[in-house]
Amino acid sequence: GFGAVGMDRFVCEVPSESAQLLKQLTDNDYYAIILPGVRGNTG
């Protein structure tokens, strides 16, 4: 749902790949990052 309000969505289905994706997105200081909670989707 977050794309509907202008956020850029980056799907990461494999948790072990999230660190690499996070590093790529923060390298150029273009993005502020939001990560879902560690307990999964609580709503």
PDB file of all heavy atoms in Angstrom:
ATOM      1  N   GLY A   1       0.784  -1.234   0.000  1.00  0.00           N
ATOM      2  CA  GLY A   1       0.000   0.000   0.000  1.00  0.00           C
ATOM      3  C   GLY A   1       0.812   1.280   0.000  1.00  0.00           C
ATOM      4  O   GLY A   1       0.283   2.352  -0.263  1.00  0.00           O
ATOM      5  N   PHE A   2       2.079   1.193   0.286  1.00  0.00           N
ATOM      6  CA  PHE A   2       2.872   2.400   0.466  1.00  0.00           C
ATOM      7  C   PHE A   2       3.193   3.143  -0.825  1.00  0.00           C
ATOM      8  O   PHE A   2       3.452   4.338  -0.802  1.00  0.00           O
ATOM      9  CB  PHE A   2       4.154   2.070   1.234  1.00  0.00           C
ATOM     10  CG  PHE A   2       3.890   1.696   2.662  1.00  0.00           C
ATOM     11  CD1 PHE A   2       3.737   0.368   3.025  1.00  0.00           C
ATOM     12  CD2 PHE A   2       3.773   2.667   3.631  1.00  0.00           C
ATOM     13  CE1 PHE A   2       3.485   0.022   4.341  1.00  0.00           C
ATOM     14  CE2 PHE A   2       3.517   2.329   4.953  1.00  0.00           C
ATOM     15  CZ  PHE A   2       3.365   1.010   5.307  1.00  0.00           C
ATOM     16  N   GLY A   3       3.162   2.469  -1.950  1.00  0.00           N
ATOM     17  CA  GLY A   3       3.396   3.141  -3.227  1.00  0.00           C
ATOM     18  C   GLY A   3       2.317   4.154  -3.547  1.00  0.00           C
ATOM     19  O   GLY A   3       2.557   5.158  -4.215  1.00  0.00           O
ATOM     20  N   ALA A   4       1.112   3.941  -3.030  1.00  0.00           N
ATOM     21  CA  ALA A   4      -0.011   4.833  -3.302  1.00  0.00           C
ATOM     22  C   ALA A   4       0.181   6.212  -2.695  1.00  0.00           C
ATOM     23  O   ALA A   4      -0.469   7.169  -3.117  1.00  0.00           O
ATOM     24  CB  ALA A   4      -1.305   4.206  -2.773  1.00  0.00           C
ATOM     25  N   VAL A   5       1.055   6.321  -1.719  1.00  0.00           N
ATOM     26  CA  VAL A   5       1.304   7.617  -1.091  1.00  0.00           C
ATOM     27  C   VAL A   5       2.694   8.157  -1.432  1.00  0.00           C
ATOM     28  O   VAL A   5       3.225   9.016  -0.750  1.00  0.00           O
ATOM     29  CB  VAL A   5       1.092   7.565   0.439  1.00  0.00           C
ATOM     30  CG1 VAL A   5      -0.359   7.339   0.769  1.00  0.00           C
ATOM     31  CG2 VAL A   5       1.965   6.523   1.081  1.00  0.00           C
ATOM     32  N   GLY A   6       3.268   7.654  -2.500  1.00  0.00           N
ATOM     33  CA  GLY A   6       4.499   8.225  -3.023  1.00  0.00           C
ATOM     34  C   GLY A   6       5.800   7.646  -2.513  1.00  0.00           C
ATOM     35  O   GLY A   6       6.867   8.175  -2.810  1.00  0.00           O
ATOM     36  N   MET A   7       5.741   6.574  -1.765  1.00  0.00           N
ATOM     37  CA  MET A   7       6.978   5.955  -1.293  1.00  0.00           C
ATOM     38  C   MET A   7       7.513   4.995  -2.352  1.00  0.00           C
ATOM     39  O   MET A   7       6.741   4.370  -3.060  1.00  0.00           O
ATOM     40  CB  MET A   7       6.738   5.187   0.002  1.00  0.00           C
ATOM     41  CG  MET A   7       6.337   6.055   1.150  1.00  0.00           C
ATOM     42  SD  MET A   7       6.089   5.073   2.626  1.00  0.00           S
ATOM     43  CE  MET A   7       5.344   6.284   3.680  1.00  0.00           C
ATOM     44  N   ASP A   8       8.821   4.919  -2.437  1.00  0.00           N
ATOM     45  CA  ASP A   8       9.454   3.964  -3.350  1.00  0.00           C
ATOM     46  C   ASP A   8       9.560   2.627  -2.630  1.00  0.00           C
ATOM     47  O   ASP A   8      10.167   2.541  -1.568  1.00  0.00           O
ATOM     48  CB  ASP A   8      10.838   4.448  -3.774  1.00  0.00           C
ATOM     49  CG  ASP A   8      10.781   5.700  -4.624  1.00  0.00           C
ATOM     50  OD1 ASP A   8       9.697   5.991  -5.197  1.00  0.00           O
ATOM     51  OD2 ASP A   8      11.796   6.401  -4.721  1.00  0.00           O
ATOM     52  N   ARG A   9       8.955   1.595  -3.208  1.00  0.00           N
ATOM     53  CA  ARG A   9       8.916   0.279  -2.585  1.00  0.00           C
ATOM     54  C   ARG A   9      10.021  -0.605  -3.137  1.00  0.00           C
ATOM     55  O   ARG A   9      10.257  -0.640  -4.334  1.00  0.00           O
ATOM     56  CB  ARG A   9       7.565  -0.383  -2.839  1.00  0.00           C
ATOM     57  CG  ARG A   9       6.425   0.376  -2.194  1.00  0.00           C
ATOM     58  CD  ARG A   9       5.090  -0.185  -2.604  1.00  0.00           C
ATOM     59  NE  ARG A   9       4.935   0.020  -4.038  1.00  0.00           N
ATOM     60  CZ  ARG A   9       4.226  -0.764  -4.841  1.00  0.00           C
ATOM     61  NH1 ARG A   9       3.586  -1.793  -4.367  1.00  0.00           N
ATOM     62  NH2 ARG A   9       4.141  -0.502  -6.126  1.00  0.00           N
ATOM     63  N   PHE A  10      10.678  -1.340  -2.233  1.00  0.00           N
ATOM     64  CA  PHE A  10      11.715  -2.287  -2.605  1.00  0.00           C
ATOM     65  C   PHE A  10      11.386  -3.613  -1.954  1.00  0.00           C
ATOM     66  O   PHE A  10      11.487  -3.762  -0.740  1.00  0.00           O
ATOM     67  CB  PHE A  10      13.102  -1.788  -2.173  1.00  0.00           C
ATOM     68  CG  PHE A  10      13.525  -0.546  -2.897  1.00  0.00           C
ATOM     69  CD1 PHE A  10      13.168   0.703  -2.418  1.00  0.00           C
ATOM     70  CD2 PHE A  10      14.233  -0.635  -4.082  1.00  0.00           C
ATOM     71  CE1 PHE A  10      13.527   1.854  -3.097  1.00  0.00           C
ATOM     72  CE2 PHE A  10      14.599   0.509  -4.771  1.00  0.00           C
ATOM     73  CZ  PHE A  10      14.242   1.754  -4.278  1.00  0.00           C
ATOM     74  N   VAL A  11      10.952  -4.553  -2.775  1.00  0.00           N
ATOM     75  CA  VAL A  11      10.542  -5.860  -2.275  1.00  0.00           C
ATOM     76  C   VAL A  11      11.780  -6.691  -1.977  1.00  0.00           C
ATOM     77  O   VAL A  11      12.702  -6.793  -2.784  1.00  0.00           O
ATOM     78  CB  VAL A  11       9.647  -6.590  -3.304  1.00  0.00           C
ATOM     79  CG1 VAL A  11       9.308  -7.993  -2.830  1.00  0.00           C
ATOM     80  CG2 VAL A  11       8.375  -5.789  -3.551  1.00  0.00           C
ATOM     81  N   CYS A  12      11.787  -7.270  -0.790  1.00  0.00           N
ATOM     82  CA  CYS A  12      12.863  -8.156  -0.371  1.00  0.00           C
ATOM     83  C   CYS A  12      12.213  -9.321   0.360  1.00  0.00           C
ATOM     84  O   CYS A  12      11.851  -9.202   1.524  1.00  0.00           O
ATOM     85  CB  CYS A  12      13.848  -7.416   0.530  1.00  0.00           C
ATOM     86  SG  CYS A  12      15.288  -8.401   0.935  1.00  0.00           S
ATOM     87  N   GLU A  13      12.054 -10.419  -0.333  1.00  0.00           N
ATOM     88  CA  GLU A  13      11.384 -11.593   0.234  1.00  0.00           C
ATOM     89  C   GLU A  13      12.335 -12.467   1.052  1.00  0.00           C
ATOM     90  O   GLU A  13      11.898 -13.266   1.857  1.00  0.00           O
ATOM     91  CB  GLU A  13      10.747 -12.437  -0.881  1.00  0.00           C
ATOM     92  CG  GLU A  13       9.701 -11.716  -1.704  1.00  0.00           C
ATOM     93  CD  GLU A  13       8.399 -11.441  -0.980  1.00  0.00           C
ATOM     94  OE1 GLU A  13       8.199 -11.964   0.138  1.00  0.00           O
ATOM     95  OE2 GLU A  13       7.575 -10.686  -1.510  1.00  0.00           O
ATOM     96  N   VAL A  14      13.641 -12.308   0.832  1.00  0.00           N
ATOM     97  CA  VAL A  14      14.647 -13.119   1.525  1.00  0.00           C
ATOM     98  C   VAL A  14      15.362 -12.231   2.538  1.00  0.00           C
ATOM     99  O   VAL A  14      16.107 -11.327   2.156  1.00  0.00           O
ATOM    100  CB  VAL A  14      15.661 -13.719   0.528  1.00  0.00           C
ATOM    101  CG1 VAL A  14      16.685 -14.576   1.235  1.00  0.00           C
ATOM    102  CG2 VAL A  14      14.940 -14.502  -0.559  1.00  0.00           C
ATOM    103  N   PRO A  15      15.114 -12.441   3.833  1.00  0.00           N
ATOM    104  CA  PRO A  15      15.701 -11.566   4.851  1.00  0.00           C
ATOM    105  C   PRO A  15      17.214 -11.405   4.759  1.00  0.00           C
ATOM    106  O   PRO A  15      17.740 -10.339   5.030  1.00  0.00           O
ATOM    107  CB  PRO A  15      15.300 -12.234   6.170  1.00  0.00           C
ATOM    108  CG  PRO A  15      14.055 -12.986   5.841  1.00  0.00           C
ATOM    109  CD  PRO A  15      14.250 -13.465   4.421  1.00  0.00           C
ATOM    110  N   SER A  16      17.913 -12.444   4.353  1.00  0.00           N
ATOM    111  CA  SER A  16      19.375 -12.353   4.279  1.00  0.00           C
ATOM    112  C   SER A  16      19.839 -11.355   3.213  1.00  0.00           C
ATOM    113  O   SER A  16      20.978 -10.894   3.262  1.00  0.00           O
ATOM    114  CB  SER A  16      19.978 -13.729   4.009  1.00  0.00           C
ATOM    115  OG  SER A  16      19.523 -14.234   2.767  1.00  0.00           O
ATOM    116  N   GLU A  17      18.983 -10.995   2.276  1.00  0.00           N
ATOM    117  CA  GLU A  17      19.342 -10.039   1.231  1.00  0.00           C
ATOM    118  C   GLU A  17      19.018  -8.598   1.617  1.00  0.00           C
ATOM    119  O   GLU A  17      19.408  -7.660   0.933  1.00  0.00           O
ATOM    120  CB  GLU A  17      18.628 -10.393  -0.069  1.00  0.00           C
ATOM    121  CG  GLU A  17      19.055 -11.728  -0.636  1.00  0.00           C
ATOM    122  CD  GLU A  17      18.238 -12.140  -1.853  1.00  0.00           C
ATOM    123  OE1 GLU A  17      17.329 -11.399  -2.253  1.00  0.00           O
ATOM    124  OE2 GLU A  17      18.519 -13.224  -2.392  1.00  0.00           O
ATOM    125  N   SER A  18      18.330  -8.401   2.734  1.00  0.00           N
ATOM    126  CA  SER A  18      17.894  -7.061   3.107  1.00  0.00           C
ATOM    127  C   SER A  18      19.062  -6.143   3.477  1.00  0.00           C
ATOM    128  O   SER A  18      19.021  -4.947   3.196  1.00  0.00           O
ATOM    129  CB  SER A  18      16.880  -7.119   4.250  1.00  0.00           C
ATOM    130  OG  SER A  18      17.460  -7.699   5.398  1.00  0.00           O
ATOM    131  N   ALA A  19      20.085  -6.673   4.093  1.00  0.00           N
ATOM    132  CA  ALA A  19      21.234  -5.843   4.471  1.00  0.00           C
ATOM    133  C   ALA A  19      21.919  -5.256   3.248  1.00  0.00           C
ATOM    134  O   ALA A  19      22.283  -4.076   3.239  1.00  0.00           O
ATOM    135  CB  ALA A  19      22.219  -6.658   5.301  1.00  0.00           C
ATOM    136  N   GLN A  20      22.091  -6.064   2.210  1.00  0.00           N
ATOM    137  CA  GLN A  20      22.727  -5.576   0.981  1.00  0.00           C
ATOM    138  C   GLN A  20      21.861  -4.505   0.323  1.00  0.00           C
ATOM    139  O   GLN A  20      22.362  -3.469  -0.119  1.00  0.00           O
ATOM    140  CB  GLN A  20      22.974  -6.726   0.015  1.00  0.00           C
ATOM    141  CG  GLN A  20      23.634  -6.285  -1.270  1.00  0.00           C
ATOM    142  CD  GLN A  20      23.844  -7.438  -2.235  1.00  0.00           C
ATOM    143  OE1 GLN A  20      23.454  -8.563  -1.981  1.00  0.00           O
ATOM    144  NE2 GLN A  20      24.477  -7.146  -3.351  1.00  0.00           N
ATOM    145  N   LEU A  21      20.561  -4.723   0.272  1.00  0.00           N
ATOM    146  CA  LEU A  21      19.651  -3.748  -0.316  1.00  0.00           C
ATOM    147  C   LEU A  21      19.668  -2.451   0.490  1.00  0.00           C
ATOM    148  O   LEU A  21      19.711  -1.362  -0.078  1.00  0.00           O
ATOM    149  CB  LEU A  21      18.236  -4.320  -0.392  1.00  0.00           C
ATOM    150  CG  LEU A  21      17.162  -3.411  -0.960  1.00  0.00           C
ATOM    151  CD1 LEU A  21      17.516  -2.926  -2.367  1.00  0.00           C
ATOM    152  CD2 LEU A  21      15.822  -4.135  -0.960  1.00  0.00           C
ATOM    153  N   LEU A  22      19.649  -2.555   1.792  1.00  0.00           N
ATOM    154  CA  LEU A  22      19.695  -1.378   2.645  1.00  0.00           C
ATOM    155  C   LEU A  22      20.966  -0.575   2.392  1.00  0.00           C
ATOM    156  O   LEU A  22      20.923   0.649   2.275  1.00  0.00           O
ATOM    157  CB  LEU A  22      19.610  -1.795   4.112  1.00  0.00           C
ATOM    158  CG  LEU A  22      19.626  -0.676   5.143  1.00  0.00           C
ATOM    159  CD1 LEU A  22      18.441   0.254   4.963  1.00  0.00           C
ATOM    160  CD2 LEU A  22      19.652  -1.259   6.537  1.00  0.00           C
ATOM    161  N   LYS A  23      22.095  -1.251   2.294  1.00  0.00           N
ATOM    162  CA  LYS A  23      23.361  -0.561   2.018  1.00  0.00           C
ATOM    163  C   LYS A  23      23.320   0.154   0.670  1.00  0.00           C
ATOM    164  O   LYS A  23      23.744   1.303   0.568  1.00  0.00           O
ATOM    165  CB  LYS A  23      24.529  -1.546   2.059  1.00  0.00           C
ATOM    166  CG  LYS A  23      25.851  -0.892   1.694  1.00  0.00           C
ATOM    167  CD  LYS A  23      27.004  -1.522   2.374  1.00  0.00           C
ATOM    168  CE  LYS A  23      28.331  -0.931   1.999  1.00  0.00           C
ATOM    169  NZ  LYS A  23      28.423   0.489   1.883  1.00  0.00           N
ATOM    170  N   GLN A  24      22.785  -0.501  -0.349  1.00  0.00           N
ATOM    171  CA  GLN A  24      22.689   0.123  -1.667  1.00  0.00           C
ATOM    172  C   GLN A  24      21.832   1.390  -1.626  1.00  0.00           C
ATOM    173  O   GLN A  24      22.166   2.396  -2.247  1.00  0.00           O
ATOM    174  CB  GLN A  24      22.080  -0.852  -2.685  1.00  0.00           C
ATOM    175  CG  GLN A  24      22.976  -1.988  -3.066  1.00  0.00           C
ATOM    176  CD  GLN A  24      22.254  -3.013  -3.938  1.00  0.00           C
ATOM    177  OE1 GLN A  24      21.028  -2.977  -4.096  1.00  0.00           O
ATOM    178  NE2 GLN A  24      22.998  -3.946  -4.484  1.00  0.00           N
ATOM    179  N   LEU A  25      20.747   1.336  -0.905  1.00  0.00           N
ATOM    180  CA  LEU A  25      19.831   2.473  -0.861  1.00  0.00           C
ATOM    181  C   LEU A  25      20.363   3.636  -0.037  1.00  0.00           C
ATOM    182  O   LEU A  25      20.005   4.789  -0.281  1.00  0.00           O
ATOM    183  CB  LEU A  25      18.472   2.035  -0.314  1.00  0.00           C
ATOM    184  CG  LEU A  25      17.683   1.073  -1.202  1.00  0.00           C
ATOM    185  CD1 LEU A  25      16.420   0.622  -0.500  1.00  0.00           C
ATOM    186  CD2 LEU A  25      17.350   1.718  -2.538  1.00  0.00           C
ATOM    187  N   THR A  26      21.198   3.359   0.941  1.00  0.00           N
ATOM    188  CA  THR A  26      21.708   4.434   1.804  1.00  0.00           C
ATOM    189  C   THR A  26      23.048   4.982   1.341  1.00  0.00           C
ATOM    190  O   THR A  26      23.479   6.017   1.849  1.00  0.00           O
ATOM    191  CB  THR A  26      21.819   3.956   3.261  1.00  0.00           C
ATOM    192  OG1 THR A  26      22.660   2.807   3.324  1.00  0.00           O
ATOM    193  CG2 THR A  26      20.457   3.640   3.839  1.00  0.00           C
ATOM    194  N   ASP A  27      23.703   4.343   0.400  1.00  0.00           N
ATOM    195  CA  ASP A  27      25.020   4.794  -0.060  1.00  0.00           C
ATOM    196  C   ASP A  27      25.004   6.218  -0.607  1.00  0.00           C
ATOM    197  O   ASP A  27      25.926   6.981  -0.385  1.00  0.00           O
ATOM    198  CB  ASP A  27      25.590   3.846  -1.117  1.00  0.00           C
ATOM    199  CG  ASP A  27      26.321   2.668  -0.497  1.00  0.00           C
ATOM    200  OD1 ASP A  27      26.583   2.697   0.717  1.00  0.00           O
ATOM    201  OD2 ASP A  27      26.612   1.706  -1.240  1.00  0.00           O
ATOM    202  N   ASN A  28      23.965   6.590  -1.340  1.00  0.00           N
ATOM    203  CA  ASN A  28      23.965   7.904  -1.978  1.00  0.00           C
ATOM    204  C   ASN A  28      23.196   8.963  -1.188  1.00  0.00           C
ATOM    205  O   ASN A  28      23.032  10.075  -1.648  1.00  0.00           O
ATOM    206  CB  ASN A  28      23.420   7.811  -3.406  1.00  0.00           C
ATOM    207  CG  ASN A  28      21.984   7.335  -3.450  1.00  0.00           C
ATOM    208  OD1 ASN A  28      21.308   7.252  -2.423  1.00  0.00           O
ATOM    209  ND2 ASN A  28      21.508   7.026  -4.630  1.00  0.00           N
ATOM    210  N   ASP A  29      22.692   8.626   0.006  1.00  0.00           N
ATOM    211  CA  ASP A  29      21.979   9.564   0.875  1.00  0.00           C
ATOM    212  C   ASP A  29      20.739  10.164   0.203  1.00  0.00           C
ATOM    213  O   ASP A  29      20.331  11.272   0.511  1.00  0.00           O
ATOM    214  CB  ASP A  29      22.933  10.673   1.343  1.00  0.00           C
ATOM    215  CG  ASP A  29      22.451  11.320   2.625  1.00  0.00           C
ATOM    216  OD1 ASP A  29      21.861  10.621   3.467  1.00  0.00           O
ATOM    217  OD2 ASP A  29      22.642  12.545   2.774  1.00  0.00           O
ATOM    218  N   TYR A  30      20.132   9.428  -0.715  1.00  0.00           N
ATOM    219  CA  TYR A  30      18.932   9.882  -1.413  1.00  0.00           C
ATOM    220  C   TYR A  30      17.668   9.492  -0.652  1.00  0.00           C
ATOM    221  O   TYR A  30      16.664  10.181  -0.718  1.00  0.00           O
ATOM    222  CB  TYR A  30      18.915   9.281  -2.834  1.00  0.00           C
ATOM    223  CG  TYR A  30      17.731   9.677  -3.663  1.00  0.00           C
ATOM    224  CD1 TYR A  30      17.638  10.941  -4.220  1.00  0.00           C
ATOM    225  CD2 TYR A  30      16.701   8.766  -3.904  1.00  0.00           C
ATOM    226  CE1 TYR A  30      16.551  11.308  -5.000  1.00  0.00           C
ATOM    227  CE2 TYR A  30      15.607   9.120  -4.683  1.00  0.00           C
ATOM    228  CZ  TYR A  30      15.535  10.382  -5.216  1.00  0.00           C
ATOM    229  OH  TYR A  30      14.460  10.748  -5.987  1.00  0.00           O
ATOM    230  N   TYR A  31      17.714   8.373   0.057  1.00  0.00           N
ATOM    231  CA  TYR A  31      16.524   7.834   0.700  1.00  0.00           C
ATOM    232  C   TYR A  31      16.569   7.910   2.219  1.00  0.00           C
ATOM    233  O   TYR A  31      17.603   7.726   2.838  1.00  0.00           O
ATOM    234  CB  TYR A  31      16.344   6.347   0.354  1.00  0.00           C
ATOM    235  CG  TYR A  31      15.842   6.091  -1.034  1.00  0.00           C
ATOM    236  CD1 TYR A  31      16.653   5.511  -1.995  1.00  0.00           C
ATOM    237  CD2 TYR A  31      14.540   6.401  -1.383  1.00  0.00           C
ATOM    238  CE1 TYR A  31      16.187   5.261  -3.269  1.00  0.00           C
ATOM    239  CE2 TYR A  31      14.066   6.158  -2.662  1.00  0.00           C
ATOM    240  CZ  TYR A  31      14.895   5.589  -3.597  1.00  0.00           C
ATOM    241  OH  TYR A  31      14.425   5.339  -4.858  1.00  0.00           O
ATOM    242  N   ALA A  32      15.395   8.157   2.789  1.00  0.00           N
ATOM    243  CA  ALA A  32      15.121   7.852   4.190  1.00  0.00           C
ATOM    244  C   ALA A  32      14.452   6.474   4.131  1.00  0.00           C
ATOM    245  O   ALA A  32      13.627   6.216   3.253  1.00  0.00           O
ATOM    246  CB  ALA A  32      14.181   8.885   4.799  1.00  0.00           C
ATOM    247  N   ILE A  33      14.786   5.579   5.030  1.00  0.00           N
ATOM    248  CA  ILE A  33      14.373   4.178   4.926  1.00  0.00           C
ATOM    249  C   ILE A  33      13.341   3.827   5.991  1.00  0.00           C
ATOM    250  O   ILE A  33      13.464   4.221   7.144  1.00  0.00           O
ATOM    251  CB  ILE A  33      15.578   3.231   5.091  1.00  0.00           C
ATOM    252  CG1 ILE A  33      16.721   3.609   4.134  1.00  0.00           C
ATOM    253  CG2 ILE A  33      15.163   1.773   4.899  1.00  0.00           C
ATOM    254  CD1 ILE A  33      16.415   3.439   2.683  1.00  0.00           C
ATOM    255  N   ILE A  34      12.343   3.049   5.595  1.00  0.00           N
ATOM    256  CA  ILE A  34      11.378   2.469   6.521  1.00  0.00           C
ATOM    257  C   ILE A  34      11.470   0.957   6.378  1.00  0.00           C
ATOM    258  O   ILE A  34      11.447   0.429   5.271  1.00  0.00           O
ATOM    259  CB  ILE A  34       9.945   2.924   6.200  1.00  0.00           C
ATOM    260  CG1 ILE A  34       9.813   4.434   6.389  1.00  0.00           C
ATOM    261  CG2 ILE A  34       8.936   2.179   7.074  1.00  0.00           C
ATOM    262  CD1 ILE A  34       8.480   4.984   5.994  1.00  0.00           C
ATOM    263  N   LEU A  35      11.584   0.266   7.501  1.00  0.00           N
ATOM    264  CA  LEU A  35      11.612  -1.202   7.517  1.00  0.00           C
ATOM    265  C   LEU A  35      10.428  -1.699   8.333  1.00  0.00           C
ATOM    266  O   LEU A  35      10.135  -1.142   9.393  1.00  0.00           O
ATOM    267  CB  LEU A  35      12.907  -1.717   8.151  1.00  0.00           C
ATOM    268  CG  LEU A  35      14.194  -1.404   7.396  1.00  0.00           C
ATOM    269  CD1 LEU A  35      15.384  -1.555   8.292  1.00  0.00           C
ATOM    270  CD2 LEU A  35      14.305  -2.288   6.199  1.00  0.00           C
ATOM    271  N   PRO A  36       9.742  -2.745   7.886  1.00  0.00           N
ATOM    272  CA  PRO A  36       8.670  -3.317   8.709  1.00  0.00           C
ATOM    273  C   PRO A  36       9.228  -3.850  10.022  1.00  0.00           C
ATOM    274  O   PRO A  36      10.410  -4.147  10.131  1.00  0.00           O
ATOM    275  CB  PRO A  36       8.127  -4.466   7.860  1.00  0.00           C
ATOM    276  CG  PRO A  36       8.526  -4.141   6.471  1.00  0.00           C
ATOM    277  CD  PRO A  36       9.822  -3.407   6.600  1.00  0.00           C
ATOM    278  N   GLY A  37       8.376  -3.995  11.018  1.00  0.00           N
ATOM    279  CA  GLY A  37       8.801  -4.471  12.332  1.00  0.00           C
ATOM    280  C   GLY A  37       9.357  -5.884  12.289  1.00  0.00           C
ATOM    281  O   GLY A  37       9.030  -6.665  11.395  1.00  0.00           O
ATOM    282  N   VAL A  38      10.165  -6.211  13.282  1.00  0.00           N
ATOM    283  CA  VAL A  38      10.796  -7.522  13.329  1.00  0.00           C
ATOM    284  C   VAL A  38       9.796  -8.632  13.640  1.00  0.00           C
ATOM    285  O   VAL A  38      10.085  -9.803  13.431  1.00  0.00           O
ATOM    286  CB  VAL A  38      11.943  -7.561  14.366  1.00  0.00           C
ATOM    287  CG1 VAL A  38      13.056  -6.639  13.947  1.00  0.00           C
ATOM    288  CG2 VAL A  38      11.445  -7.219  15.749  1.00  0.00           C
ATOM    289  N   ARG A  39       8.634  -8.293  14.140  1.00  0.00           N
ATOM    290  CA  ARG A  39       7.613  -9.299  14.442  1.00  0.00           C
ATOM    291  C   ARG A  39       6.705  -9.582  13.259  1.00  0.00           C
ATOM    292  O   ARG A  39       5.691 -10.241  13.391  1.00  0.00           O
ATOM    293  CB  ARG A  39       6.772  -8.832  15.613  1.00  0.00           C
ATOM    294  CG  ARG A  39       7.561  -8.724  16.877  1.00  0.00           C
ATOM    295  CD  ARG A  39       6.702  -8.332  18.025  1.00  0.00           C
ATOM    296  NE  ARG A  39       7.541  -8.098  19.176  1.00  0.00           N
ATOM    297  CZ  ARG A  39       7.209  -7.343  20.188  1.00  0.00           C
ATOM    298  NH1 ARG A  39       6.043  -6.748  20.202  1.00  0.00           N
ATOM    299  NH2 ARG A  39       8.033  -7.183  21.190  1.00  0.00           N
ATOM    300  N   GLY A  40       7.040  -9.041  12.120  1.00  0.00           N
ATOM    301  CA  GLY A  40       6.207  -9.256  10.950  1.00  0.00           C
ATOM    302  C   GLY A  40       5.154  -8.169  10.823  1.00  0.00           C
ATOM    303  O   GLY A  40       5.196  -7.152  11.498  1.00  0.00           O
ATOM    304  N   ASN A  41       4.214  -8.373   9.961  1.00  0.00           N
ATOM    305  CA  ASN A  41       3.171  -7.402   9.685  1.00  0.00           C
ATOM    306  C   ASN A  41       2.129  -7.439  10.798  1.00  0.00           C
ATOM    307  O   ASN A  41       1.314  -8.346  10.873  1.00  0.00           O
ATOM    308  CB  ASN A  41       2.530  -7.701   8.336  1.00  0.00           C
ATOM    309  CG  ASN A  41       1.528  -6.650   7.942  1.00  0.00           C
ATOM    310  OD1 ASN A  41       1.287  -5.702   8.666  1.00  0.00           O
ATOM    311  ND2 ASN A  41       0.942  -6.828   6.781  1.00  0.00           N
ATOM    312  N   THR A  42       2.173  -6.429  11.670  1.00  0.00           N
ATOM    313  CA  THR A  42       1.205  -6.352  12.763  1.00  0.00           C
ATOM    314  C   THR A  42       0.006  -5.492  12.396  1.00  0.00           C
ATOM    315  O   THR A  42      -0.960  -5.452  13.124  1.00  0.00           O
ATOM    316  CB  THR A  42       1.858  -5.755  14.026  1.00  0.00           C
ATOM    317  OG1 THR A  42       2.280  -4.420  13.727  1.00  0.00           O
ATOM    318  CG2 THR A  42       3.025  -6.601  14.503  1.00  0.00           C
ATOM    319  N   GLY A  43       0.098  -4.795  11.283  1.00  0.00           N
ATOM    320  CA  GLY A  43      -1.000  -3.949  10.834  1.00  0.00           C
ATOM    321  C   GLY A  43      -0.939  -2.529  11.363  1.00  0.00           C
ATOM    322  O   GLY A  43      -1.731  -1.686  10.964  1.00  0.00           O
TER     323      GLY A  43
END
